[in-house]
Amino acid sequence: QIFLSSDYEPRSLIWGHWQENKPWPKDEMCKDLLTRLVKPGTLETRALASYPGSGNTWIRYLIEGASGIFTGSVYSDGSIFAAGHYGEKRNFDDGSTILQKTHHRSIYVPRFSNYTLEWRKNVIKDFGGRGVLVIRNPFKAILS
């Protein structure tokens, strides 16, 4: 039984058994560990924010392995889903994943020109101001 809450009030998680993954099925010590979704609406949104190339997907793998709960994303990337991150295609705000990946407009391209200060404030509201920031040496992140 796991308890999570940002306001320090214990909350028991209700597991969603419709999608599970055994990340290390061939490892004798870890073969019984599961990563799964929780019942939608159970968890608050929390951004896992980073600059692209900073190791966000690797951090997600570690968090999923340690917590047993899938992470989500605002992107719905098919290749990440195919690699076993089954929270990738969930709605980022459905409350079934422990953290939700975002790069929050960290690279400027013309299609982002309409992303105003108001848009950025709304994204912060979407995550309730909660999040984890992944920081990596920017020179290494740019090259990765």
C-alpha atoms as a PDB file:
ATOM      1  CA  GLN A   1       0.000   0.000   0.000  1.00  0.00           C
ATOM      2  CA  ILE A   2       1.395   3.398  -1.003  1.00  0.00           C
ATOM      3  CA  PHE A   3       0.402   6.800   0.335  1.00  0.00           C
ATOM      4  CA  LEU A   4       0.839  10.000  -1.675  1.00  0.00           C
ATOM      5  CA  SER A   5      -0.376  13.539  -1.224  1.00  0.00           C
ATOM      6  CA  SER A   6       1.088  17.007  -1.633  1.00  0.00           C
ATOM      7  CA  ASP A   7      -0.779  18.262   1.436  1.00  0.00           C
ATOM      8  CA  TYR A   8       0.693  15.459   3.599  1.00  0.00           C
ATOM      9  CA  GLU A   9      -2.689  13.823   4.105  1.00  0.00           C
ATOM     10  CA  PRO A  10      -2.222  10.078   3.554  1.00  0.00           C
ATOM     11  CA  ARG A  11      -4.135   8.699   0.595  1.00  0.00           C
ATOM     12  CA  SER A  12      -4.319   5.018  -0.226  1.00  0.00           C
ATOM     13  CA  LEU A  13      -3.923   4.286  -3.940  1.00  0.00           C
ATOM     14  CA  ILE A  14      -6.450   2.228  -5.850  1.00  0.00           C
ATOM     15  CA  TRP A  15      -4.634   0.311  -8.548  1.00  0.00           C
ATOM     16  CA  GLY A  16      -5.910   0.088 -12.093  1.00  0.00           C
ATOM     17  CA  HIS A  17      -5.191  -3.453 -13.234  1.00  0.00           C
ATOM     18  CA  TRP A  18      -5.957  -2.979 -16.921  1.00  0.00           C
ATOM     19  CA  GLN A  19      -2.350  -2.162 -17.908  1.00  0.00           C
ATOM     20  CA  GLU A  20       0.703  -3.551 -16.119  1.00  0.00           C
ATOM     21  CA  ASN A  21       4.337  -3.966 -17.027  1.00  0.00           C
ATOM     22  CA  LYS A  22       7.098  -6.084 -15.541  1.00  0.00           C
ATOM     23  CA  PRO A  23      10.192  -4.007 -16.343  1.00  0.00           C
ATOM     24  CA  TRP A  24      12.721  -6.720 -15.421  1.00  0.00           C
ATOM     25  CA  PRO A  25      11.056 -10.107 -16.070  1.00  0.00           C
ATOM     26  CA  LYS A  26      14.363 -12.000 -16.459  1.00  0.00           C
ATOM     27  CA  ASP A  27      16.017 -10.659 -13.313  1.00  0.00           C
ATOM     28  CA  GLU A  28      15.590 -13.156 -10.463  1.00  0.00           C
ATOM     29  CA  MET A  29      15.395 -10.450  -7.762  1.00  0.00           C
ATOM     30  CA  CYS A  30      13.130  -8.052  -9.686  1.00  0.00           C
ATOM     31  CA  LYS A  31      10.959 -10.325 -11.849  1.00  0.00           C
ATOM     32  CA  ASP A  32       7.861  -9.867  -9.659  1.00  0.00           C
ATOM     33  CA  LEU A  33       7.974  -6.056  -9.610  1.00  0.00           C
ATOM     34  CA  LEU A  34       5.115  -4.342 -11.441  1.00  0.00           C
ATOM     35  CA  THR A  35       4.580  -0.908 -12.881  1.00  0.00           C
ATOM     36  CA  ARG A  36       0.945   0.027 -13.343  1.00  0.00           C
ATOM     37  CA  LEU A  37      -1.598   2.815 -13.504  1.00  0.00           C
ATOM     38  CA  VAL A  38      -3.712   3.908 -10.586  1.00  0.00           C
ATOM     39  CA  LYS A  39      -7.440   4.561 -10.756  1.00  0.00           C
ATOM     40  CA  PRO A  40      -8.047   7.790 -12.742  1.00  0.00           C
ATOM     41  CA  GLY A  41      -8.625  10.772 -10.471  1.00  0.00           C
ATOM     42  CA  THR A  42      -6.444   9.365  -7.695  1.00  0.00           C
ATOM     43  CA  LEU A  43      -3.281  11.481  -8.144  1.00  0.00           C
ATOM     44  CA  GLU A  44      -2.771  15.205  -8.634  1.00  0.00           C
ATOM     45  CA  THR A  45      -0.967  16.372 -11.755  1.00  0.00           C
ATOM     46  CA  ARG A  46       2.762  17.049 -11.292  1.00  0.00           C
ATOM     47  CA  ALA A  47       4.990  18.192 -14.131  1.00  0.00           C
ATOM     48  CA  LEU A  48       8.260  16.424 -14.837  1.00  0.00           C
ATOM     49  CA  ALA A  49       9.784  19.386 -16.645  1.00  0.00           C
ATOM     50  CA  SER A  50      13.052  19.477 -18.534  1.00  0.00           C
ATOM     51  CA  TYR A  51      14.865  20.775 -21.578  1.00  0.00           C
ATOM     52  CA  PRO A  52      14.872  18.125 -24.347  1.00  0.00           C
ATOM     53  CA  GLY A  53      17.893  15.819 -24.007  1.00  0.00           C
ATOM     54  CA  SER A  54      18.142  16.271 -20.243  1.00  0.00           C
ATOM     55  CA  GLY A  55      17.261  12.684 -19.431  1.00  0.00           C
ATOM     56  CA  ASN A  56      13.530  13.029 -18.796  1.00  0.00           C
ATOM     57  CA  THR A  57      12.730   9.573 -20.201  1.00  0.00           C
ATOM     58  CA  TRP A  58      15.522   7.949 -18.163  1.00  0.00           C
ATOM     59  CA  ILE A  59      14.257   9.679 -15.004  1.00  0.00           C
ATOM     60  CA  ARG A  60      10.764   8.392 -15.826  1.00  0.00           C
ATOM     61  CA  TYR A  61      12.109   4.849 -16.073  1.00  0.00           C
ATOM     62  CA  LEU A  62      13.737   5.171 -12.643  1.00  0.00           C
ATOM     63  CA  ILE A  63      10.631   6.719 -11.042  1.00  0.00           C
ATOM     64  CA  GLU A  64       8.385   4.017 -12.498  1.00  0.00           C
ATOM     65  CA  GLY A  65      10.722   1.279 -11.275  1.00  0.00           C
ATOM     66  CA  ALA A  66      11.006   2.751  -7.781  1.00  0.00           C
ATOM     67  CA  SER A  67       7.338   3.672  -7.287  1.00  0.00           C
ATOM     68  CA  GLY A  68       5.555   1.006  -9.316  1.00  0.00           C
ATOM     69  CA  ILE A  69       3.388   3.737 -10.873  1.00  0.00           C
ATOM     70  CA  PHE A  70       3.544   4.753 -14.535  1.00  0.00           C
ATOM     71  CA  THR A  71       4.468   8.301 -15.506  1.00  0.00           C
ATOM     72  CA  GLY A  72       2.505  10.186 -18.146  1.00  0.00           C
ATOM     73  CA  SER A  73       3.189  12.881 -20.694  1.00  0.00           C
ATOM     74  CA  VAL A  74       1.589  15.806 -22.463  1.00  0.00           C
ATOM     75  CA  TYR A  75       2.966  14.459 -25.784  1.00  0.00           C
ATOM     76  CA  SER A  76       1.540  10.916 -26.314  1.00  0.00           C
ATOM     77  CA  ASP A  77       4.715   9.666 -28.047  1.00  0.00           C
ATOM     78  CA  GLY A  78       4.145   6.268 -29.668  1.00  0.00           C
ATOM     79  CA  SER A  79       7.804   5.215 -29.476  1.00  0.00           C
ATOM     80  CA  ILE A  80       7.947   5.854 -25.721  1.00  0.00           C
ATOM     81  CA  PHE A  81       4.664   3.953 -25.271  1.00  0.00           C
ATOM     82  CA  ALA A  82       6.079   1.038 -27.305  1.00  0.00           C
ATOM     83  CA  ALA A  83       9.116   0.958 -24.986  1.00  0.00           C
ATOM     84  CA  GLY A  84       6.828   0.096 -22.045  1.00  0.00           C
ATOM     85  CA  HIS A  85       5.917   3.508 -20.620  1.00  0.00           C
ATOM     86  CA  TYR A  86       2.192   2.714 -20.762  1.00  0.00           C
ATOM     87  CA  GLY A  87       1.208   5.965 -19.062  1.00  0.00           C
ATOM     88  CA  GLU A  88       2.495   7.867 -22.117  1.00  0.00           C
ATOM     89  CA  LYS A  89      -0.828   7.760 -23.964  1.00  0.00           C
ATOM     90  CA  ARG A  90      -3.043   8.564 -20.965  1.00  0.00           C
ATOM     91  CA  ASN A  91      -4.522  12.056 -20.708  1.00  0.00           C
ATOM     92  CA  PHE A  92      -1.846  13.855 -18.703  1.00  0.00           C
ATOM     93  CA  ASP A  93      -4.403  15.216 -16.262  1.00  0.00           C
ATOM     94  CA  ASP A  94      -6.511  12.086 -15.662  1.00  0.00           C
ATOM     95  CA  GLY A  95      -4.855  11.340 -12.293  1.00  0.00           C
ATOM     96  CA  SER A  96      -3.632   7.831 -13.159  1.00  0.00           C
ATOM     97  CA  THR A  97       0.117   8.616 -13.418  1.00  0.00           C
ATOM     98  CA  ILE A  98       2.609   9.829 -10.803  1.00  0.00           C
ATOM     99  CA  LEU A  99       4.337  12.539 -12.925  1.00  0.00           C
ATOM    100  CA  GLN A 100       3.690  13.945 -16.394  1.00  0.00           C
ATOM    101  CA  LYS A 101       6.500  14.774 -18.797  1.00  0.00           C
ATOM    102  CA  THR A 102       6.612  18.248 -20.339  1.00  0.00           C
ATOM    103  CA  HIS A 103       9.239  20.405 -22.009  1.00  0.00           C
ATOM    104  CA  HIS A 104       6.910  23.427 -21.658  1.00  0.00           C
ATOM    105  CA  ARG A 105       7.874  25.165 -24.876  1.00  0.00           C
ATOM    106  CA  SER A 106      11.600  25.000 -24.203  1.00  0.00           C
ATOM    107  CA  ILE A 107      12.583  25.172 -27.870  1.00  0.00           C
ATOM    108  CA  TYR A 108      11.481  28.143 -29.946  1.00  0.00           C
ATOM    109  CA  VAL A 109       9.921  27.342 -33.297  1.00  0.00           C
ATOM    110  CA  PRO A 110       7.533  29.560 -35.261  1.00  0.00           C
ATOM    111  CA  ARG A 111       4.446  27.480 -34.365  1.00  0.00           C
ATOM    112  CA  PHE A 112       5.020  28.425 -30.704  1.00  0.00           C
ATOM    113  CA  SER A 113       4.854  32.181 -31.399  1.00  0.00           C
ATOM    114  CA  ASN A 114       1.278  32.355 -30.062  1.00  0.00           C
ATOM    115  CA  TYR A 115       2.294  30.841 -26.705  1.00  0.00           C
ATOM    116  CA  THR A 116       1.972  33.993 -24.661  1.00  0.00           C
ATOM    117  CA  LEU A 117       2.678  34.676 -21.016  1.00  0.00           C
ATOM    118  CA  GLU A 118      -0.994  33.893 -20.367  1.00  0.00           C
ATOM    119  CA  TRP A 119      -0.562  30.478 -22.041  1.00  0.00           C
ATOM    120  CA  ARG A 120       2.469  29.745 -19.826  1.00  0.00           C
ATOM    121  CA  LYS A 121       0.520  30.727 -16.710  1.00  0.00           C
ATOM    122  CA  ASN A 122      -2.296  28.373 -17.733  1.00  0.00           C
ATOM    123  CA  VAL A 123       0.156  25.466 -18.119  1.00  0.00           C
ATOM    124  CA  ILE A 124       1.413  26.110 -14.591  1.00  0.00           C
ATOM    125  CA  LYS A 125      -2.225  26.093 -13.411  1.00  0.00           C
ATOM    126  CA  ASP A 126      -2.822  22.799 -15.253  1.00  0.00           C
ATOM    127  CA  PHE A 127      -0.184  21.246 -12.989  1.00  0.00           C
ATOM    128  CA  GLY A 128      -1.389  23.077  -9.888  1.00  0.00           C
ATOM    129  CA  GLY A 129       2.064  24.671  -9.588  1.00  0.00           C
ATOM    130  CA  ARG A 130       3.450  21.220  -8.706  1.00  0.00           C
ATOM    131  CA  GLY A 131       6.410  19.663 -10.444  1.00  0.00           C
ATOM    132  CA  VAL A 132       9.874  18.211 -10.586  1.00  0.00           C
ATOM    133  CA  LEU A 133      12.540  19.995 -12.586  1.00  0.00           C
ATOM    134  CA  VAL A 134      15.203  17.888 -14.309  1.00  0.00           C
ATOM    135  CA  ILE A 135      18.428  19.857 -14.797  1.00  0.00           C
ATOM    136  CA  ARG A 136      21.396  18.674 -16.853  1.00  0.00           C
ATOM    137  CA  ASN A 137      24.497  20.445 -18.068  1.00  0.00           C
ATOM    138  CA  PRO A 138      23.009  22.420 -21.007  1.00  0.00           C
ATOM    139  CA  PHE A 139      25.944  21.673 -23.310  1.00  0.00           C
ATOM    140  CA  LYS A 140      25.424  17.929 -22.832  1.00  0.00           C
ATOM    141  CA  ALA A 141      21.644  18.232 -23.204  1.00  0.00           C
ATOM    142  CA  ILE A 142      21.985  20.108 -26.505  1.00  0.00           C
ATOM    143  CA  LEU A 143      24.396  17.471 -27.861  1.00  0.00           C
ATOM    144  CA  SER A 144      22.378  14.434 -26.767  1.00  0.00           C
END
